[in-house]
Amino acid sequence: MLIDYNSLEETVIHEFKGGTGDTIMQKYDDGQVKVMKVTLKKGCSIGEHTHVDNCETIYVISGAAKITCNGETEIVKAGQSHFCPKGGTHHTEQYGEEDLVMSAVVPAMDGAKRALLERRSCRDFKPDMVEKDKIEAIVKAGTYAPTGMNRQAPIIIAVTNKEIRDKFMRLNASILGRDGDPFYGAPVVLIVLVDKNASPTWSYDGPIVMQNMMLMAHDLGLGSCWIHRAKEEFQSLDGKMLLKALGIEGDYEGVGHCVIGYPASEPLEASERKENYVYWVE
């Protein structure tokens, strides 16, 4: 299979993984492996990071890299490679006078684990419509979320019609009290509501549907974001009228909008987890 970097979109990431300057990247990602062409100009670097569940191979095309891996520093020149094993920690700096150009290959971790650890909220979407089969896969993942006593209290409204999408968008923006698009330009809006009479656990069931859909979206190479104010939206007369116009009637409470689309920019790096997140009782 040919990977033509000339046809891949160039992305500039400032202070990538806590490094300095800009990292210029062209990336191919099929969910199983990431193949990247990376350029670091003079004085730029990629910050220290750990490959917890995968490894990375770097091949220097031109220039030279100063790479510190697990405490050991090496100069990697054109025609040479650096390998960071699973569990290894490394960072990369441009070295010398010439720009560093390198190819990096990172195999994906297990799909479920990858989605759980790598998914980030996307707030910058391309206008391109998502393929129908991908939307169907995301919605299906939502319908398989666990629900109290398997009562399946939630429902999902999958909105791809732009006119209807914009009606929900304007209603949501009015509740927020701001102009603009609170859906960040995402072309697909998956609205989750729950039937308050279906189960005593209805208030817990909807958020799990939202999470399932966001994880599946990530696994399919899409961006997602949970947009709030669905509760207020469907408590309003306008919201109730919109539901009725769609043929949806019942005692429903809005949970959230799972907005879906192709990311227009690289996701932010995960923040550090707080120290007291987990209390072990052994």
Protein backbone atom coordinates (compact mmCIF):
# COMPACT_ATOMS: atom_id res chain seq x y z
CA MET A 1 0.00 0.00 0.00
CA LEU A 2 1.33 3.42 -0.98
CA ILE A 3 1.21 6.23 1.57
CA ASP A 4 1.76 9.52 -0.28
CA TYR A 5 2.70 12.26 2.15
CA ASN A 6 2.16 14.81 -0.63
CA SER A 7 -1.57 14.05 -0.47
CA LEU A 8 -1.87 14.16 3.34
CA GLU A 9 -2.97 17.33 5.09
CA GLU A 10 -0.23 19.13 7.00
CA THR A 11 -0.95 19.93 10.65
CA VAL A 12 1.08 22.24 12.87
CA ILE A 13 1.00 21.35 16.56
CA HIS A 14 2.43 23.91 18.97
CA GLU A 15 4.44 22.51 21.90
CA PHE A 16 3.53 18.91 21.02
CA LYS A 17 3.46 16.73 24.14
CA GLY A 18 4.92 19.62 26.12
CA GLY A 19 7.85 20.21 23.76
CA THR A 20 9.09 23.51 22.30
CA GLY A 21 8.13 25.27 19.11
CA ASP A 22 6.05 23.71 16.36
CA THR A 23 5.79 20.10 15.21
CA ILE A 24 4.79 19.89 11.55
CA MET A 25 3.00 16.59 10.90
CA GLN A 26 1.36 14.64 8.10
CA LYS A 27 -0.39 11.55 9.41
CA TYR A 28 -1.98 8.38 8.08
CA ASP A 29 -4.12 6.58 10.67
CA ASP A 30 -6.30 3.58 9.83
CA GLY A 31 -7.04 2.68 13.44
CA GLN A 32 -4.41 -0.08 13.42
CA VAL A 33 -1.25 1.96 12.88
CA LYS A 34 -0.20 5.61 12.69
CA VAL A 35 2.38 6.46 10.03
CA MET A 36 3.65 10.04 10.28
CA LYS A 37 6.05 12.37 8.54
CA VAL A 38 7.30 14.84 11.13
CA THR A 39 9.36 17.99 10.67
CA LEU A 40 11.07 19.88 13.49
CA LYS A 41 12.76 23.14 12.63
CA LYS A 42 15.76 24.46 14.53
CA GLY A 43 15.11 24.76 18.26
CA CYS A 44 11.94 22.66 18.20
CA SER A 45 11.27 19.46 20.12
CA ILE A 46 8.63 16.88 21.03
CA GLY A 47 8.14 16.60 24.78
CA GLU A 48 8.76 13.58 26.97
CA HIS A 49 6.02 10.97 26.83
CA THR A 50 5.57 7.30 27.68
CA HIS A 51 4.35 4.60 25.29
CA VAL A 52 2.25 2.77 27.86
CA ASP A 53 0.50 0.36 25.50
CA ASN A 54 2.45 0.56 22.25
CA CYS A 55 5.90 1.28 20.82
CA GLU A 56 7.36 3.74 18.29
CA THR A 57 9.93 3.48 15.51
CA ILE A 58 11.50 6.70 14.21
CA TYR A 59 13.50 6.83 10.96
CA VAL A 60 15.44 10.03 10.26
CA ILE A 61 15.07 11.13 6.64
CA SER A 62 17.20 14.27 6.83
CA GLY A 63 18.90 16.31 9.52
CA ALA A 64 19.56 14.76 12.92
CA ALA A 65 17.64 14.08 16.12
CA LYS A 66 18.77 14.16 19.73
CA ILE A 67 16.62 11.53 21.42
CA THR A 68 16.60 10.68 25.11
CA CYS A 69 14.94 7.33 25.81
CA ASN A 70 14.69 5.86 29.31
CA GLY A 71 17.44 8.19 30.49
CA GLU A 72 19.92 7.47 27.68
CA THR A 73 20.65 10.10 25.01
CA GLU A 74 21.64 9.31 21.42
CA ILE A 75 22.15 11.29 18.22
CA VAL A 76 20.17 9.73 15.37
CA LYS A 77 21.31 10.83 11.90
CA ALA A 78 19.80 10.52 8.44
CA GLY A 79 19.48 6.86 7.47
CA GLN A 80 19.31 5.71 11.11
CA SER A 81 16.38 4.67 13.29
CA HIS A 82 15.39 4.96 16.93
CA PHE A 83 13.09 2.45 18.61
CA CYS A 84 11.13 3.20 21.79
CA PRO A 85 9.75 -0.06 23.22
CA LYS A 86 6.38 -0.53 24.89
CA GLY A 87 6.59 1.07 28.33
CA GLY A 88 9.48 3.28 27.25
CA THR A 89 9.72 7.03 27.79
CA HIS A 90 11.41 9.33 25.28
CA HIS A 91 11.61 12.84 23.90
CA THR A 92 13.01 14.13 20.62
CA GLU A 93 14.88 17.35 19.80
CA GLN A 94 16.05 18.79 16.48
CA TYR A 95 19.86 18.63 16.47
CA GLY A 96 22.36 20.64 14.45
CA GLU A 97 21.75 23.30 11.80
CA GLU A 98 19.46 21.37 9.44
CA ASP A 99 15.74 20.87 9.92
CA LEU A 100 14.88 17.41 11.23
CA VAL A 101 12.60 15.40 8.96
CA MET A 102 11.63 11.93 10.15
CA SER A 103 9.10 9.18 9.68
CA ALA A 104 7.43 7.68 12.75
CA VAL A 105 5.39 4.50 12.98
CA VAL A 106 3.18 3.84 16.02
CA PRO A 107 1.00 0.70 16.11
CA ALA A 108 -2.40 1.20 17.71
CA MET A 109 -3.25 -0.34 21.03
CA ASP A 110 -6.29 -2.59 21.34
CA GLY A 111 -9.34 -0.80 19.92
CA ALA A 112 -11.37 -0.61 23.12
CA LYS A 113 -8.37 0.40 25.22
CA ARG A 114 -7.32 2.95 22.63
CA ALA A 115 -10.73 4.59 22.62
CA LEU A 116 -10.91 4.68 26.41
CA LEU A 117 -7.47 6.26 26.84
CA GLU A 118 -7.14 8.43 23.73
CA ARG A 119 -10.60 9.92 23.15
CA ARG A 120 -10.71 13.68 23.64
CA SER A 121 -13.50 16.18 23.13
CA CYS A 122 -13.37 17.75 19.66
CA ARG A 123 -14.42 21.39 19.30
CA ASP A 124 -13.30 22.00 15.74
CA PHE A 125 -15.05 20.00 13.02
CA LYS A 126 -14.83 19.85 9.25
CA PRO A 127 -18.15 20.41 7.45
CA ASP A 128 -17.90 17.06 5.61
CA MET A 129 -20.85 14.74 6.28
CA VAL A 130 -20.01 11.47 8.02
CA GLU A 131 -20.70 8.28 6.05
CA LYS A 132 -24.04 6.64 6.84
CA ASP A 133 -22.48 3.30 7.82
CA LYS A 134 -20.30 5.01 10.42
CA ILE A 135 -23.26 6.87 11.91
CA GLU A 136 -25.20 3.60 12.07
CA ALA A 137 -22.27 1.91 13.86
CA ILE A 138 -22.08 4.73 16.41
CA VAL A 139 -25.82 4.68 17.07
CA LYS A 140 -25.78 0.89 17.38
CA ALA A 141 -23.04 1.14 20.01
CA GLY A 142 -25.33 3.52 21.92
CA THR A 143 -28.22 1.06 21.85
CA TYR A 144 -26.01 -1.61 23.43
CA ALA A 145 -25.19 0.48 26.49
CA PRO A 146 -26.24 -1.18 29.75
CA THR A 147 -29.52 0.10 31.20
CA GLY A 148 -31.27 -0.56 34.51
CA MET A 149 -33.11 -3.90 34.39
CA ASN A 150 -32.61 -3.76 30.62
CA ARG A 151 -35.59 -1.40 30.39
CA GLN A 152 -33.77 0.58 27.66
CA ALA A 153 -35.14 3.93 28.81
CA PRO A 154 -33.04 6.10 26.45
CA ILE A 155 -33.84 7.06 22.87
CA ILE A 156 -31.47 8.53 20.27
CA ILE A 157 -32.43 11.15 17.67
CA ALA A 158 -29.86 10.93 14.86
CA VAL A 159 -29.89 14.28 13.08
CA THR A 160 -28.08 14.67 9.74
CA ASN A 161 -30.61 17.00 8.08
CA LYS A 162 -28.94 20.44 8.23
CA GLU A 163 -32.18 22.39 8.54
CA ILE A 164 -33.29 20.32 11.55
CA ARG A 165 -29.78 20.29 12.97
CA ASP A 166 -29.69 24.10 12.84
CA LYS A 167 -33.05 24.35 14.63
CA PHE A 168 -31.65 22.37 17.56
CA MET A 169 -28.45 24.41 17.36
CA ARG A 170 -30.28 27.73 17.59
CA LEU A 171 -32.40 26.50 20.49
CA ASN A 172 -29.31 25.32 22.33
CA ALA A 173 -27.53 28.62 21.67
CA SER A 174 -30.50 30.60 23.02
CA ILE A 175 -30.32 28.65 26.30
CA LEU A 176 -26.58 29.32 26.44
CA GLY A 177 -27.31 32.99 25.85
CA ARG A 178 -24.72 33.38 23.09
CA ASP A 179 -24.55 33.71 19.35
CA GLY A 180 -22.65 31.22 17.24
CA ASP A 181 -22.77 27.45 16.94
CA PRO A 182 -22.55 25.53 20.24
CA PHE A 183 -22.14 22.34 18.16
CA TYR A 184 -18.78 23.59 16.80
CA GLY A 185 -19.77 23.00 13.19
CA ALA A 186 -20.29 19.24 13.61
CA PRO A 187 -22.55 17.97 10.79
CA VAL A 188 -24.09 15.12 12.85
CA VAL A 189 -25.97 15.58 16.12
CA LEU A 190 -27.03 12.49 18.09
CA ILE A 191 -29.47 13.59 20.78
CA VAL A 192 -30.04 11.31 23.77
CA LEU A 193 -33.23 11.54 25.82
CA VAL A 194 -34.60 9.19 28.48
CA ASP A 195 -38.15 8.08 29.26
CA LYS A 196 -38.62 9.04 32.90
CA ASN A 197 -41.33 6.41 33.37
CA ALA A 198 -39.40 3.46 31.90
CA SER A 199 -37.08 2.63 34.78
CA PRO A 200 -36.11 3.85 38.26
CA THR A 201 -32.55 4.18 36.96
CA TRP A 202 -33.47 6.31 33.93
CA SER A 203 -31.26 9.22 35.01
CA TYR A 204 -28.18 6.98 34.93
CA ASP A 205 -28.91 5.17 31.68
CA GLY A 206 -28.61 8.07 29.24
CA PRO A 207 -25.02 9.10 30.03
CA ILE A 208 -23.80 5.55 29.33
CA VAL A 209 -25.39 5.72 25.88
CA MET A 210 -23.52 8.99 25.29
CA GLN A 211 -20.21 7.45 26.33
CA ASN A 212 -20.68 4.37 24.14
CA MET A 213 -21.30 6.55 21.10
CA MET A 214 -18.30 8.81 21.75
CA LEU A 215 -16.01 5.80 22.17
CA MET A 216 -17.24 4.21 18.95
CA ALA A 217 -16.81 7.52 17.11
CA HIS A 218 -13.19 7.65 18.21
CA ASP A 219 -12.62 4.07 17.13
CA LEU A 220 -13.89 5.04 13.65
CA GLY A 221 -11.49 7.98 13.37
CA LEU A 222 -14.10 10.64 14.15
CA GLY A 223 -14.25 13.46 16.65
CA SER A 224 -17.02 13.84 19.19
CA CYS A 225 -18.11 16.15 21.98
CA TRP A 226 -20.83 16.05 24.62
CA ILE A 227 -22.87 19.25 24.37
CA HIS A 228 -25.02 20.03 27.41
CA ARG A 229 -28.28 21.95 27.89
CA ALA A 230 -30.41 19.12 26.45
CA LYS A 231 -32.45 19.03 29.67
CA GLU A 232 -33.39 22.71 29.38
CA GLU A 233 -33.83 22.36 25.64
CA PHE A 234 -36.58 19.76 25.90
CA GLN A 235 -38.22 21.37 28.92
CA SER A 236 -38.94 24.38 26.73
CA LEU A 237 -42.04 24.74 24.59
CA ASP A 238 -39.92 25.04 21.43
CA GLY A 239 -38.10 21.81 22.30
CA LYS A 240 -41.33 19.95 22.94
CA MET A 241 -42.73 21.22 19.64
CA LEU A 242 -39.63 20.05 17.79
CA LEU A 243 -40.05 16.57 19.28
CA LYS A 244 -43.71 16.51 18.37
CA ALA A 245 -42.92 17.56 14.80
CA LEU A 246 -40.56 14.59 14.60
CA GLY A 247 -43.31 12.25 15.84
CA ILE A 248 -41.73 11.72 19.26
CA GLU A 249 -44.13 11.92 22.19
CA GLY A 250 -43.70 10.88 25.82
CA ASP A 251 -42.30 12.05 29.15
CA TYR A 252 -38.70 12.48 28.03
CA GLU A 253 -35.82 14.36 29.62
CA GLY A 254 -32.87 15.51 27.55
CA VAL A 255 -29.46 14.06 28.48
CA GLY A 256 -27.06 15.48 25.93
CA HIS A 257 -26.07 16.05 22.32
CA CYS A 258 -23.29 13.82 21.01
CA VAL A 259 -21.93 15.87 18.11
CA ILE A 260 -19.94 13.90 15.55
CA GLY A 261 -17.71 14.78 12.62
CA TYR A 262 -14.22 14.73 11.17
CA PRO A 263 -11.79 16.75 13.32
CA ALA A 264 -10.38 19.88 11.71
CA SER A 265 -7.39 19.96 14.07
CA GLU A 266 -5.33 17.66 16.27
CA PRO A 267 -6.84 16.85 19.69
CA LEU A 268 -5.29 18.26 22.84
CA GLU A 269 -3.03 16.06 24.92
CA ALA A 270 -4.60 14.50 27.99
CA SER A 271 -4.01 16.37 31.23
CA GLU A 272 -2.33 14.60 34.10
CA ARG A 273 -4.66 12.53 36.31
CA LYS A 274 -5.05 13.90 39.83
CA GLU A 275 -3.07 12.10 42.53
CA ASN A 276 -6.06 11.10 44.69
CA TYR A 277 -8.19 9.76 41.83
CA VAL A 278 -8.08 6.14 43.09
CA TYR A 279 -8.14 4.87 46.67
CA TRP A 280 -6.93 1.27 46.94
CA VAL A 281 -8.49 -0.94 49.60
CA GLU A 282 -6.50 -4.20 49.67
